Amino acid sequence: MHCAAPCTAMGIPVILIAKNQENINRFSAIKGIIPIYTYDDLKNNRINFNPKSLNIEDLKQYMLQNLKLSTLKEMGEKIDENELMQIRHNIQYYKAY
């Protein structure tokens, strides 16, 4: 994950293979951003070895806005709580593929 996430952010196509289905939970932070395969997928030829570079610019903007609003809130500024909740929802359920 520590390699896959920055590569994806830079537009480098990524293939991520987890040891098994249970191990996939370790990658929950990038689950909706890139496909996460298992060894079983590898054995059964279910991996796309020609992934395309993903356009996640909208996700980057959500993350920056989340940081901005969260920081302002912590500093005691009044923010639009509904906007912050919507942004966090968009991040949590983001699907790039």
PDB file of N, CA and C in Angstrom:
ATOM      1  N   MET A   1       0.818  -1.181   0.000  1.00  0.00           N
ATOM      2  CA  MET A   1       0.000   0.000   0.000  1.00  0.00           C
ATOM      3  C   MET A   1       0.870   1.255   0.000  1.00  0.00           C
ATOM      4  N   HIS A   2       1.993   1.198   0.684  1.00  0.00           N
ATOM      5  CA  HIS A   2       2.845   2.382   0.782  1.00  0.00           C
ATOM      6  C   HIS A   2       3.505   2.721  -0.547  1.00  0.00           C
ATOM      7  N   CYS A   3       3.493   1.815  -1.457  1.00  0.00           N
ATOM      8  CA  CYS A   3       3.988   2.072  -2.806  1.00  0.00           C
ATOM      9  C   CYS A   3       2.814   2.349  -3.751  1.00  0.00           C
ATOM     10  N   ALA A   4       1.743   1.573  -3.603  1.00  0.00           N
ATOM     11  CA  ALA A   4       0.597   1.681  -4.507  1.00  0.00           C
ATOM     12  C   ALA A   4      -0.097   3.038  -4.424  1.00  0.00           C
ATOM     13  N   ALA A   5      -0.296   3.552  -3.232  1.00  0.00           N
ATOM     14  CA  ALA A   5      -1.019   4.821  -3.076  1.00  0.00           C
ATOM     15  C   ALA A   5      -0.283   6.001  -3.732  1.00  0.00           C
ATOM     16  N   PRO A   6       1.013   6.203  -3.443  1.00  0.00           N
ATOM     17  CA  PRO A   6       1.708   7.319  -4.109  1.00  0.00           C
ATOM     18  C   PRO A   6       1.797   7.149  -5.626  1.00  0.00           C
ATOM     19  N   CYS A   7       2.004   5.916  -6.069  1.00  0.00           N
ATOM     20  CA  CYS A   7       2.074   5.688  -7.519  1.00  0.00           C
ATOM     21  C   CYS A   7       0.750   6.055  -8.182  1.00  0.00           C
ATOM     22  N   THR A   8      -0.359   5.624  -7.577  1.00  0.00           N
ATOM     23  CA  THR A   8      -1.676   5.962  -8.112  1.00  0.00           C
ATOM     24  C   THR A   8      -1.869   7.468  -8.146  1.00  0.00           C
ATOM     25  N   ALA A   9      -1.465   8.149  -7.078  1.00  0.00           N
ATOM     26  CA  ALA A   9      -1.612   9.611  -7.014  1.00  0.00           C
ATOM     27  C   ALA A   9      -0.809  10.311  -8.099  1.00  0.00           C
ATOM     28  N   MET A  10       0.310   9.702  -8.494  1.00  0.00           N
ATOM     29  CA  MET A  10       1.150  10.292  -9.536  1.00  0.00           C
ATOM     30  C   MET A  10       0.751   9.856 -10.939  1.00  0.00           C
ATOM     31  N   GLY A  11      -0.297   9.028 -11.032  1.00  0.00           N
ATOM     32  CA  GLY A  11      -0.757   8.595 -12.350  1.00  0.00           C
ATOM     33  C   GLY A  11      -0.053   7.368 -12.894  1.00  0.00           C
ATOM     34  N   ILE A  12       0.679   6.670 -12.049  1.00  0.00           N
ATOM     35  CA  ILE A  12       1.370   5.453 -12.467  1.00  0.00           C
ATOM     36  C   ILE A  12       0.410   4.274 -12.292  1.00  0.00           C
ATOM     37  N   PRO A  13       0.156   3.505 -13.341  1.00  0.00           N
ATOM     38  CA  PRO A  13      -0.732   2.347 -13.205  1.00  0.00           C
ATOM     39  C   PRO A  13      -0.196   1.358 -12.168  1.00  0.00           C
ATOM     40  N   VAL A  14      -1.106   0.791 -11.372  1.00  0.00           N
ATOM     41  CA  VAL A  14      -0.711  -0.073 -10.260  1.00  0.00           C
ATOM     42  C   VAL A  14      -1.485  -1.390 -10.305  1.00  0.00           C
ATOM     43  N   ILE A  15      -0.790  -2.466  -9.982  1.00  0.00           N
ATOM     44  CA  ILE A  15      -1.412  -3.768  -9.748  1.00  0.00           C
ATOM     45  C   ILE A  15      -1.061  -4.142  -8.320  1.00  0.00           C
ATOM     46  N   LEU A  16      -2.081  -4.369  -7.501  1.00  0.00           N
ATOM     47  CA  LEU A  16      -1.869  -4.710  -6.094  1.00  0.00           C
ATOM     48  C   LEU A  16      -2.436  -6.093  -5.835  1.00  0.00           C
ATOM     49  N   ILE A  17      -1.587  -6.981  -5.326  1.00  0.00           N
ATOM     50  CA  ILE A  17      -2.007  -8.352  -5.046  1.00  0.00           C
ATOM     51  C   ILE A  17      -1.842  -8.618  -3.559  1.00  0.00           C
ATOM     52  N   ALA A  18      -2.962  -8.906  -2.895  1.00  0.00           N
ATOM     53  CA  ALA A  18      -2.953  -9.272  -1.481  1.00  0.00           C
ATOM     54  C   ALA A  18      -2.772 -10.778  -1.372  1.00  0.00           C
ATOM     55  N   LYS A  19      -2.230 -11.215  -0.254  1.00  0.00           N
ATOM     56  CA  LYS A  19      -1.974 -12.639  -0.068  1.00  0.00           C
ATOM     57  C   LYS A  19      -3.251 -13.471  -0.168  1.00  0.00           C
ATOM     58  N   ASN A  20      -4.321 -12.998   0.459  1.00  0.00           N
ATOM     59  CA  ASN A  20      -5.595 -13.719   0.438  1.00  0.00           C
ATOM     60  C   ASN A  20      -6.743 -12.747   0.698  1.00  0.00           C
ATOM     61  N   GLN A  21      -7.953 -13.256   0.662  1.00  0.00           N
ATOM     62  CA  GLN A  21      -9.138 -12.401   0.822  1.00  0.00           C
ATOM     63  C   GLN A  21      -9.140 -11.680   2.173  1.00  0.00           C
ATOM     64  N   GLU A  22      -8.737 -12.374   3.236  1.00  0.00           N
ATOM     65  CA  GLU A  22      -8.705 -11.756   4.565  1.00  0.00           C
ATOM     66  C   GLU A  22      -7.673 -10.626   4.624  1.00  0.00           C
ATOM     67  N   ASN A  23      -6.605 -10.777   3.883  1.00  0.00           N
ATOM     68  CA  ASN A  23      -5.527  -9.797   3.869  1.00  0.00           C
ATOM     69  C   ASN A  23      -5.931  -8.499   3.179  1.00  0.00           C
ATOM     70  N   ILE A  24      -6.981  -8.559   2.371  1.00  0.00           N
ATOM     71  CA  ILE A  24      -7.438  -7.375   1.644  1.00  0.00           C
ATOM     72  C   ILE A  24      -7.841  -6.251   2.598  1.00  0.00           C
ATOM     73  N   ASN A  25      -8.323  -6.583   3.786  1.00  0.00           N
ATOM     74  CA  ASN A  25      -8.729  -5.565   4.757  1.00  0.00           C
ATOM     75  C   ASN A  25      -7.591  -4.621   5.109  1.00  0.00           C
ATOM     76  N   ARG A  26      -6.356  -5.057   4.979  1.00  0.00           N
ATOM     77  CA  ARG A  26      -5.203  -4.188   5.244  1.00  0.00           C
ATOM     78  C   ARG A  26      -5.147  -3.024   4.263  1.00  0.00           C
ATOM     79  N   PHE A  27      -5.807  -3.184   3.132  1.00  0.00           N
ATOM     80  CA  PHE A  27      -5.740  -2.177   2.080  1.00  0.00           C
ATOM     81  C   PHE A  27      -7.029  -1.371   1.956  1.00  0.00           C
ATOM     82  N   SER A  28      -7.797  -1.282   3.021  1.00  0.00           N
ATOM     83  CA  SER A  28      -9.097  -0.612   2.965  1.00  0.00           C
ATOM     84  C   SER A  28      -8.983   0.861   2.559  1.00  0.00           C
ATOM     85  N   ALA A  29      -7.859   1.497   2.816  1.00  0.00           N
ATOM     86  CA  ALA A  29      -7.694   2.917   2.479  1.00  0.00           C
ATOM     87  C   ALA A  29      -7.690   3.163   0.973  1.00  0.00           C
ATOM     88  N   ILE A  30      -7.324   2.172   0.192  1.00  0.00           N
ATOM     89  CA  ILE A  30      -7.284   2.352  -1.260  1.00  0.00           C
ATOM     90  C   ILE A  30      -8.213   1.397  -1.990  1.00  0.00           C
ATOM     91  N   LYS A  31      -9.080   0.742  -1.245  1.00  0.00           N
ATOM     92  CA  LYS A  31      -9.964  -0.289  -1.801  1.00  0.00           C
ATOM     93  C   LYS A  31     -10.798   0.204  -2.980  1.00  0.00           C
ATOM     94  N   GLY A  32     -11.381   1.382  -2.910  1.00  0.00           N
ATOM     95  CA  GLY A  32     -12.211   1.882  -3.989  1.00  0.00           C
ATOM     96  C   GLY A  32     -11.443   2.604  -5.080  1.00  0.00           C
ATOM     97  N   ILE A  33     -10.159   2.778  -4.860  1.00  0.00           N
ATOM     98  CA  ILE A  33      -9.360   3.537  -5.811  1.00  0.00           C
ATOM     99  C   ILE A  33      -8.734   2.626  -6.869  1.00  0.00           C
ATOM    100  N   ILE A  34      -8.152   1.529  -6.423  1.00  0.00           N
ATOM    101  CA  ILE A  34      -7.571   0.568  -7.364  1.00  0.00           C
ATOM    102  C   ILE A  34      -8.112  -0.824  -7.042  1.00  0.00           C
ATOM    103  N   PRO A  35      -8.163  -1.704  -8.043  1.00  0.00           N
ATOM    104  CA  PRO A  35      -8.582  -3.075  -7.749  1.00  0.00           C
ATOM    105  C   PRO A  35      -7.526  -3.767  -6.887  1.00  0.00           C
ATOM    106  N   ILE A  36      -7.958  -4.576  -5.953  1.00  0.00           N
ATOM    107  CA  ILE A  36      -7.037  -5.349  -5.125  1.00  0.00           C
ATOM    108  C   ILE A  36      -7.270  -6.822  -5.433  1.00  0.00           C
ATOM    109  N   TYR A  37      -6.249  -7.447  -5.965  1.00  0.00           N
ATOM    110  CA  TYR A  37      -6.325  -8.840  -6.358  1.00  0.00           C
ATOM    111  C   TYR A  37      -5.754  -9.735  -5.252  1.00  0.00           C
ATOM    112  N   THR A  38      -5.991 -11.040  -5.375  1.00  0.00           N
ATOM    113  CA  THR A  38      -5.426 -12.019  -4.448  1.00  0.00           C
ATOM    114  C   THR A  38      -4.575 -13.014  -5.225  1.00  0.00           C
ATOM    115  N   TYR A  39      -3.851 -13.860  -4.490  1.00  0.00           N
ATOM    116  CA  TYR A  39      -3.074 -14.913  -5.130  1.00  0.00           C
ATOM    117  C   TYR A  39      -3.988 -15.826  -5.947  1.00  0.00           C
ATOM    118  N   ASP A  40      -5.208 -16.023  -5.442  1.00  0.00           N
ATOM    119  CA  ASP A  40      -6.177 -16.841  -6.182  1.00  0.00           C
ATOM    120  C   ASP A  40      -6.472 -16.218  -7.549  1.00  0.00           C
ATOM    121  N   ASP A  41      -6.609 -14.891  -7.575  1.00  0.00           N
ATOM    122  CA  ASP A  41      -6.807 -14.194  -8.856  1.00  0.00           C
ATOM    123  C   ASP A  41      -5.607 -14.427  -9.773  1.00  0.00           C
ATOM    124  N   LEU A  42      -4.421 -14.400  -9.199  1.00  0.00           N
ATOM    125  CA  LEU A  42      -3.204 -14.618  -9.979  1.00  0.00           C
ATOM    126  C   LEU A  42      -3.178 -16.031 -10.558  1.00  0.00           C
ATOM    127  N   LYS A  43      -3.469 -17.017  -9.735  1.00  0.00           N
ATOM    128  CA  LYS A  43      -3.475 -18.411 -10.188  1.00  0.00           C
ATOM    129  C   LYS A  43      -4.512 -18.667 -11.278  1.00  0.00           C
ATOM    130  N   ASN A  44      -5.622 -17.935 -11.217  1.00  0.00           N
ATOM    131  CA  ASN A  44      -6.731 -18.158 -12.151  1.00  0.00           C
ATOM    132  C   ASN A  44      -6.799 -17.125 -13.271  1.00  0.00           C
ATOM    133  N   ASN A  45      -5.691 -16.433 -13.508  1.00  0.00           N
ATOM    134  CA  ASN A  45      -5.578 -15.470 -14.615  1.00  0.00           C
ATOM    135  C   ASN A  45      -6.679 -14.408 -14.614  1.00  0.00           C
ATOM    136  N   ARG A  46      -7.004 -13.877 -13.439  1.00  0.00           N
ATOM    137  CA  ARG A  46      -8.046 -12.845 -13.337  1.00  0.00           C
ATOM    138  C   ARG A  46      -7.465 -11.459 -13.068  1.00  0.00           C
ATOM    139  N   ILE A  47      -6.209 -11.259 -13.379  1.00  0.00           N
ATOM    140  CA  ILE A  47      -5.567  -9.972 -13.145  1.00  0.00           C
ATOM    141  C   ILE A  47      -5.358  -9.249 -14.459  1.00  0.00           C
ATOM    142  N   ASN A  48      -5.727  -7.993 -14.478  1.00  0.00           N
ATOM    143  CA  ASN A  48      -5.482  -7.155 -15.644  1.00  0.00           C
ATOM    144  C   ASN A  48      -4.056  -6.614 -15.532  1.00  0.00           C
ATOM    145  N   PHE A  49      -3.154  -7.172 -16.316  1.00  0.00           N
ATOM    146  CA  PHE A  49      -1.763  -6.739 -16.281  1.00  0.00           C
ATOM    147  C   PHE A  49      -1.491  -5.539 -17.187  1.00  0.00           C
ATOM    148  N   ASN A  50      -2.541  -4.919 -17.687  1.00  0.00           N
ATOM    149  CA  ASN A  50      -2.426  -3.697 -18.476  1.00  0.00           C
ATOM    150  C   ASN A  50      -3.347  -2.621 -17.907  1.00  0.00           C
ATOM    151  N   PRO A  51      -3.163  -2.287 -16.619  1.00  0.00           N
ATOM    152  CA  PRO A  51      -4.067  -1.296 -16.022  1.00  0.00           C
ATOM    153  C   PRO A  51      -3.834   0.082 -16.621  1.00  0.00           C
ATOM    154  N   LYS A  52      -4.882   0.857 -16.648  1.00  0.00           N
ATOM    155  CA  LYS A  52      -4.783   2.231 -17.141  1.00  0.00           C
ATOM    156  C   LYS A  52      -4.476   3.161 -15.965  1.00  0.00           C
ATOM    157  N   SER A  53      -3.872   4.265 -16.283  1.00  0.00           N
ATOM    158  CA  SER A  53      -3.651   5.298 -15.282  1.00  0.00           C
ATOM    159  C   SER A  53      -5.010   5.870 -14.901  1.00  0.00           C
ATOM    160  N   LEU A  54      -5.255   6.034 -13.614  1.00  0.00           N
ATOM    161  CA  LEU A  54      -6.551   6.514 -13.147  1.00  0.00           C
ATOM    162  C   LEU A  54      -6.556   8.024 -12.974  1.00  0.00           C
ATOM    163  N   ASN A  55      -7.649   8.638 -13.329  1.00  0.00           N
ATOM    164  CA  ASN A  55      -7.832  10.061 -13.080  1.00  0.00           C
ATOM    165  C   ASN A  55      -8.568  10.204 -11.754  1.00  0.00           C
ATOM    166  N   ILE A  56      -7.829  10.565 -10.710  1.00  0.00           N
ATOM    167  CA  ILE A  56      -8.423  10.723  -9.379  1.00  0.00           C
ATOM    168  C   ILE A  56      -8.304  12.168  -8.891  1.00  0.00           C
ATOM    169  N   GLU A  57      -8.270  13.091  -9.842  1.00  0.00           N
ATOM    170  CA  GLU A  57      -8.136  14.502  -9.465  1.00  0.00           C
ATOM    171  C   GLU A  57      -9.293  14.960  -8.573  1.00  0.00           C
ATOM    172  N   ASP A  58     -10.498  14.444  -8.823  1.00  0.00           N
ATOM    173  CA  ASP A  58     -11.624  14.827  -7.972  1.00  0.00           C
ATOM    174  C   ASP A  58     -11.425  14.321  -6.545  1.00  0.00           C
ATOM    175  N   LEU A  59     -10.881  13.128  -6.383  1.00  0.00           N
ATOM    176  CA  LEU A  59     -10.597  12.607  -5.044  1.00  0.00           C
ATOM    177  C   LEU A  59      -9.557  13.469  -4.343  1.00  0.00           C
ATOM    178  N   LYS A  60      -8.535  13.879  -5.062  1.00  0.00           N
ATOM    179  CA  LYS A  60      -7.514  14.757  -4.479  1.00  0.00           C
ATOM    180  C   LYS A  60      -8.138  16.052  -3.983  1.00  0.00           C
ATOM    181  N   GLN A  61      -9.065  16.602  -4.765  1.00  0.00           N
ATOM    182  CA  GLN A  61      -9.735  17.836  -4.358  1.00  0.00           C
ATOM    183  C   GLN A  61     -10.605  17.617  -3.112  1.00  0.00           C
ATOM    184  N   TYR A  62     -11.308  16.488  -3.063  1.00  0.00           N
ATOM    185  CA  TYR A  62     -12.081  16.154  -1.852  1.00  0.00           C
ATOM    186  C   TYR A  62     -11.170  16.091  -0.630  1.00  0.00           C
ATOM    187  N   MET A  63     -10.022  15.470  -0.794  1.00  0.00           N
ATOM    188  CA  MET A  63      -9.100  15.309   0.328  1.00  0.00           C
ATOM    189  C   MET A  63      -8.527  16.650   0.786  1.00  0.00           C
ATOM    190  N   LEU A  64      -8.214  17.503  -0.166  1.00  0.00           N
ATOM    191  CA  LEU A  64      -7.715  18.833   0.200  1.00  0.00           C
ATOM    192  C   LEU A  64      -8.792  19.664   0.901  1.00  0.00           C
ATOM    193  N   GLN A  65     -10.015  19.590   0.400  1.00  0.00           N
ATOM    194  CA  GLN A  65     -11.114  20.332   1.021  1.00  0.00           C
ATOM    195  C   GLN A  65     -11.419  19.785   2.415  1.00  0.00           C
ATOM    196  N   ASN A  66     -11.321  18.461   2.577  1.00  0.00           N
ATOM    197  CA  ASN A  66     -11.512  17.850   3.890  1.00  0.00           C
ATOM    198  C   ASN A  66     -10.463  18.371   4.872  1.00  0.00           C
ATOM    199  N   LEU A  67      -9.220  18.426   4.425  1.00  0.00           N
ATOM    200  CA  LEU A  67      -8.142  18.938   5.267  1.00  0.00           C
ATOM    201  C   LEU A  67      -8.391  20.396   5.652  1.00  0.00           C
ATOM    202  N   LYS A  68      -8.770  21.204   4.673  1.00  0.00           N
ATOM    203  CA  LYS A  68      -9.007  22.628   4.923  1.00  0.00           C
ATOM    204  C   LYS A  68     -10.138  22.831   5.929  1.00  0.00           C
ATOM    205  N   LEU A  69     -11.285  22.188   5.680  1.00  0.00           N
ATOM    206  CA  LEU A  69     -12.429  22.378   6.568  1.00  0.00           C
ATOM    207  C   LEU A  69     -12.173  21.798   7.952  1.00  0.00           C
ATOM    208  N   SER A  70     -11.512  20.654   8.023  1.00  0.00           N
ATOM    209  CA  SER A  70     -11.203  20.043   9.316  1.00  0.00           C
ATOM    210  C   SER A  70     -10.261  20.915  10.128  1.00  0.00           C
ATOM    211  N   THR A  71      -9.277  21.508   9.455  1.00  0.00           N
ATOM    212  CA  THR A  71      -8.334  22.397  10.135  1.00  0.00           C
ATOM    213  C   THR A  71      -9.039  23.643  10.649  1.00  0.00           C
ATOM    214  N   LEU A  72      -9.868  24.250   9.797  1.00  0.00           N
ATOM    215  CA  LEU A  72     -10.615  25.437  10.221  1.00  0.00           C
ATOM    216  C   LEU A  72     -11.514  25.122  11.412  1.00  0.00           C
ATOM    217  N   LYS A  73     -12.165  23.984  11.377  1.00  0.00           N
ATOM    218  CA  LYS A  73     -13.045  23.568  12.483  1.00  0.00           C
ATOM    219  C   LYS A  73     -12.254  23.425  13.776  1.00  0.00           C
ATOM    220  N   GLU A  74     -11.099  22.786  13.702  1.00  0.00           N
ATOM    221  CA  GLU A  74     -10.255  22.611  14.893  1.00  0.00           C
ATOM    222  C   GLU A  74      -9.749  23.943  15.429  1.00  0.00           C
ATOM    223  N   MET A  75      -9.616  24.913  14.561  1.00  0.00           N
ATOM    224  CA  MET A  75      -9.160  26.237  14.980  1.00  0.00           C
ATOM    225  C   MET A  75     -10.307  27.083  15.525  1.00  0.00           C
ATOM    226  N   GLY A  76     -11.505  26.515  15.571  1.00  0.00           N
ATOM    227  CA  GLY A  76     -12.646  27.214  16.129  1.00  0.00           C
ATOM    228  C   GLY A  76     -13.451  28.021  15.129  1.00  0.00           C
ATOM    229  N   GLU A  77     -13.116  27.904  13.852  1.00  0.00           N
ATOM    230  CA  GLU A  77     -13.853  28.632  12.818  1.00  0.00           C
ATOM    231  C   GLU A  77     -15.186  27.941  12.552  1.00  0.00           C
ATOM    232  N   LYS A  78     -16.172  28.712  12.146  1.00  0.00           N
ATOM    233  CA  LYS A  78     -17.457  28.153  11.766  1.00  0.00           C
ATOM    234  C   LYS A  78     -17.348  27.654  10.321  1.00  0.00           C
ATOM    235  N   ILE A  79     -17.734  26.390  10.124  1.00  0.00           N
ATOM    236  CA  ILE A  79     -17.697  25.807   8.785  1.00  0.00           C
ATOM    237  C   ILE A  79     -19.063  25.207   8.474  1.00  0.00           C
ATOM    238  N   ASP A  80     -19.259  24.849   7.240  1.00  0.00           N
ATOM    239  CA  ASP A  80     -20.490  24.180   6.826  1.00  0.00           C
ATOM    240  C   ASP A  80     -20.329  22.688   7.128  1.00  0.00           C
ATOM    241  N   GLU A  81     -20.933  22.241   8.228  1.00  0.00           N
ATOM    242  CA  GLU A  81     -20.815  20.842   8.665  1.00  0.00           C
ATOM    243  C   GLU A  81     -21.382  19.872   7.630  1.00  0.00           C
ATOM    244  N   ASN A  82     -22.456  20.274   6.947  1.00  0.00           N
ATOM    245  CA  ASN A  82     -23.032  19.408   5.916  1.00  0.00           C
ATOM    246  C   ASN A  82     -22.057  19.204   4.764  1.00  0.00           C
ATOM    247  N   GLU A  83     -21.367  20.266   4.398  1.00  0.00           N
ATOM    248  CA  GLU A  83     -20.365  20.149   3.335  1.00  0.00           C
ATOM    249  C   GLU A  83     -19.253  19.197   3.754  1.00  0.00           C
ATOM    250  N   LEU A  84     -18.784  19.335   4.992  1.00  0.00           N
ATOM    251  CA  LEU A  84     -17.725  18.461   5.485  1.00  0.00           C
ATOM    252  C   LEU A  84     -18.190  17.007   5.507  1.00  0.00           C
ATOM    253  N   MET A  85     -19.406  16.764   5.963  1.00  0.00           N
ATOM    254  CA  MET A  85     -19.939  15.401   5.981  1.00  0.00           C
ATOM    255  C   MET A  85     -20.042  14.826   4.568  1.00  0.00           C
ATOM    256  N   GLN A  86     -20.479  15.640   3.610  1.00  0.00           N
ATOM    257  CA  GLN A  86     -20.609  15.184   2.224  1.00  0.00           C
ATOM    258  C   GLN A  86     -19.241  14.867   1.624  1.00  0.00           C
ATOM    259  N   ILE A  87     -18.270  15.709   1.890  1.00  0.00           N
ATOM    260  CA  ILE A  87     -16.914  15.477   1.383  1.00  0.00           C
ATOM    261  C   ILE A  87     -16.361  14.172   1.954  1.00  0.00           C
ATOM    262  N   ARG A  88     -16.542  13.959   3.245  1.00  0.00           N
ATOM    263  CA  ARG A  88     -16.045  12.727   3.871  1.00  0.00           C
ATOM    264  C   ARG A  88     -16.770  11.502   3.313  1.00  0.00           C
ATOM    265  N   HIS A  89     -18.033  11.645   3.030  1.00  0.00           N
ATOM    266  CA  HIS A  89     -18.803  10.554   2.415  1.00  0.00           C
ATOM    267  C   HIS A  89     -18.233  10.251   1.026  1.00  0.00           C
ATOM    268  N   ASN A  90     -17.966  11.303   0.249  1.00  0.00           N
ATOM    269  CA  ASN A  90     -17.407  11.131  -1.092  1.00  0.00           C
ATOM    270  C   ASN A  90     -16.058  10.415  -1.050  1.00  0.00           C
ATOM    271  N   ILE A  91     -15.245  10.735  -0.063  1.00  0.00           N
ATOM    272  CA  ILE A  91     -13.941  10.087   0.085  1.00  0.00           C
ATOM    273  C   ILE A  91     -14.124   8.621   0.479  1.00  0.00           C
ATOM    274  N   GLN A  92     -14.976   8.383   1.470  1.00  0.00           N
ATOM    275  CA  GLN A  92     -15.163   7.028   1.974  1.00  0.00           C
ATOM    276  C   GLN A  92     -15.699   6.069   0.920  1.00  0.00           C
ATOM    277  N   TYR A  93     -16.592   6.550   0.072  1.00  0.00           N
ATOM    278  CA  TYR A  93     -17.229   5.675  -0.915  1.00  0.00           C
ATOM    279  C   TYR A  93     -16.735   5.919  -2.339  1.00  0.00           C
ATOM    280  N   TYR A  94     -15.566   6.488  -2.449  1.00  0.00           N
ATOM    281  CA  TYR A  94     -14.998   6.783  -3.760  1.00  0.00           C
ATOM    282  C   TYR A  94     -14.754   5.496  -4.539  1.00  0.00           C
ATOM    283  N   LYS A  95     -15.093   5.540  -5.803  1.00  0.00           N
ATOM    284  CA  LYS A  95     -14.903   4.371  -6.690  1.00  0.00           C
ATOM    285  C   LYS A  95     -14.271   4.873  -7.976  1.00  0.00           C
ATOM    286  N   ALA A  96     -13.023   4.528  -8.211  1.00  0.00           N
ATOM    287  CA  ALA A  96     -12.320   5.004  -9.403  1.00  0.00           C
ATOM    288  C   ALA A  96     -12.329   4.014 -10.560  1.00  0.00           C
ATOM    289  N   TYR A  97     -12.624   2.779 -10.290  1.00  0.00           N
ATOM    290  CA  TYR A  97     -12.570   1.769 -11.358  1.00  0.00           C
ATOM    291  C   TYR A  97     -13.877   1.074 -11.525  1.00  0.00           C
TER     292      TYR A  97
END
